[in-house]
Protein backbone atom coordinates (compact mmCIF):
# COMPACT_ATOMS: atom_id res chain seq x y z
CA THR A 1 104.05 98.31 124.76
CA ALA A 2 103.49 98.52 128.62
CA SER A 3 100.76 100.28 130.46
CA TYR A 4 99.93 100.72 134.14
CA SER A 5 96.60 100.64 135.54
CA GLY A 6 96.41 101.99 139.18
CA ASN A 7 93.71 103.45 141.64
CA GLY A 8 95.02 106.81 141.84
CA THR A 9 96.69 106.29 145.28
CA ASN A 10 99.96 105.11 144.06
CA THR A 11 98.85 101.65 144.99
CA PRO A 12 98.23 99.10 142.04
CA SER A 13 94.84 97.99 141.42
CA SER A 14 94.11 94.29 140.99
CA GLY A 15 94.76 94.89 137.31
CA GLY A 16 98.44 95.43 137.83
CA LEU A 17 100.70 95.72 134.71
CA THR A 18 99.69 94.69 131.35
CA GLN A 19 102.26 94.05 128.79
CA THR A 20 101.57 93.57 125.08
CA VAL A 21 104.28 92.25 122.97
CA ASN A 22 104.20 92.57 119.15
CA PRO A 23 105.65 89.25 117.73
CA GLY A 24 108.30 89.59 114.93
CA THR A 25 107.39 88.42 111.41
CA LEU A 26 109.04 85.75 109.26
CA HIS A 27 108.99 85.43 105.46
CA ILE A 28 110.51 83.48 102.59
CA ALA A 29 113.52 85.38 101.56
CA ALA A 30 114.69 83.06 98.80
CA LEU A 31 113.16 80.00 97.33
CA THR A 32 114.73 77.65 94.51
CA GLY A 33 114.27 74.12 93.32
CA THR A 34 116.60 72.03 91.12
CA GLY A 35 115.84 68.69 89.64
CA SER A 36 118.64 65.74 89.54
CA VAL A 37 118.69 62.13 88.14
CA PRO A 38 120.26 59.84 90.66
CA LYS A 39 118.95 56.69 89.06
CA GLN A 40 118.31 56.18 85.48
CA GLY A 41 114.39 56.28 84.93
CA ASN A 42 113.72 58.35 88.10
CA TRP A 43 114.61 61.79 89.33
CA GLN A 44 114.54 63.85 92.62
CA ALA A 45 113.42 67.42 93.52
CA THR A 46 115.54 69.58 95.88
CA VAL A 47 113.99 72.80 97.45
CA ASN A 48 116.21 75.41 99.01
CA ILE A 49 114.66 77.91 101.27
CA THR A 50 115.90 81.06 103.08
CA ILE A 51 113.88 82.54 106.02
CA GLN A 52 114.43 85.82 107.53
CA ASP A 53 112.53 88.14 110.00
CA SER A 54 111.23 91.66 109.27
CA ASN A 55 114.58 93.23 109.72
CA GLY A 56 116.24 90.75 107.26
CA ASN A 57 118.02 88.75 109.88
CA SER A 58 118.48 85.05 109.35
CA VAL A 59 116.52 82.91 111.84
CA PHE A 60 117.42 79.67 113.34
CA GLY A 61 115.03 76.87 114.09
CA ALA A 62 112.09 78.06 111.96
CA VAL A 63 110.07 75.02 110.83
CA VAL A 64 108.95 75.34 107.08
CA SER A 65 106.30 73.11 105.56
CA GLY A 66 104.41 73.00 102.27
CA ALA A 67 103.04 70.65 99.74
CA TRP A 68 103.81 69.13 96.29
CA VAL A 69 101.44 69.24 93.39
CA PRO A 70 101.05 66.68 92.02
CA PRO A 71 101.14 64.96 95.39
CA LEU A 72 104.35 62.87 96.28
CA PRO A 73 103.21 60.66 99.14
CA GLY A 74 106.08 59.84 101.56
CA SER A 75 108.32 62.49 100.22
CA ALA A 76 109.85 65.36 102.35
CA SER A 77 108.00 68.61 102.11
CA GLY A 78 109.54 70.61 104.72
CA CYS A 79 112.72 71.37 106.82
CA SER A 80 113.99 73.40 109.90
CA THR A 81 116.39 76.30 109.24
CA LEU A 82 119.98 76.44 110.27
CA ALA A 83 121.74 79.57 111.73
CA SER A 84 122.08 80.84 108.29
CA GLY A 85 118.26 80.83 108.02
CA GLN A 86 118.57 78.14 105.26
CA CYS A 87 117.06 74.69 104.94
CA SER A 88 116.62 72.23 102.07
CA PHE A 89 114.94 68.92 101.28
CA THR A 90 114.89 66.44 98.47
CA THR A 91 111.99 64.14 97.43
CA GLY A 92 112.22 60.40 96.90
CA ASN A 93 112.48 58.96 93.49
CA ILE A 94 109.86 60.53 91.15
CA SER A 95 108.93 58.19 88.14
CA VAL A 96 106.88 60.69 86.09
CA SER A 97 108.80 63.24 83.71
CA THR A 98 106.50 66.08 84.50
CA GLY A 99 107.54 68.87 86.70
CA GLU A 100 106.49 69.44 90.52
CA VAL A 101 105.35 72.44 92.23
CA TRP A 102 106.13 73.05 95.82
CA THR A 103 104.06 75.67 97.79
CA ALA A 104 104.75 76.92 101.16
CA ALA A 105 102.11 76.51 103.64
CA THR A 106 103.45 77.63 107.05
CA VAL A 107 106.72 78.88 108.72
CA VAL A 108 106.66 78.31 112.59
CA LEU A 109 108.88 79.69 115.19
CA PRO A 110 107.90 80.50 118.72
CA GLY A 111 107.80 84.37 119.11
CA TYR A 112 107.26 85.02 115.58
CA VAL A 113 104.23 85.22 113.04
CA TYR A 114 104.59 84.03 109.42
CA ASP A 115 103.65 86.74 107.13
CA PRO A 116 103.27 85.08 103.63
CA THR A 117 102.74 88.58 101.92
CA LYS A 118 106.38 89.48 102.43
CA ASN A 119 107.49 86.29 100.57
CA VAL A 120 109.70 86.83 97.57
CA GLN A 121 107.64 83.94 96.19
CA SER A 122 105.47 81.24 97.82
CA ASN A 123 106.04 78.37 95.42
CA VAL A 124 108.75 77.04 93.03
CA THR A 125 108.46 74.60 90.00
CA VAL A 126 110.98 71.99 90.00
CA ASN A 127 111.39 70.23 86.52
CA HIS A 128 112.96 66.90 85.53
CA SER A 129 116.60 67.43 84.45
């Protein structure tokens, strides 16, 4: 939206031109998780995420971050989207047999605002296979 403030004499006042830009919004369009066993006795969790804008377009370069519960110190908990709007990450080896829950915290891309209310889901449970 653009507006002009002048002094009535066709000469701009010191206020000049004011432009307000409404940023686009981003949300999680798909969120899945799988467990795998690369080494006997340990397992790994992989999270796959798809980010879209409010028009349903895939977005490149969005940085997604979140957290694991129970915590997994030193394990990946986020990624940056490719041109497809998708990204994934895999934890290090997990020695406990209980499931892990990953919850989205932020999605950051200049010119956009993250709107978690539009997410198809905001967390995923990944179980030991």
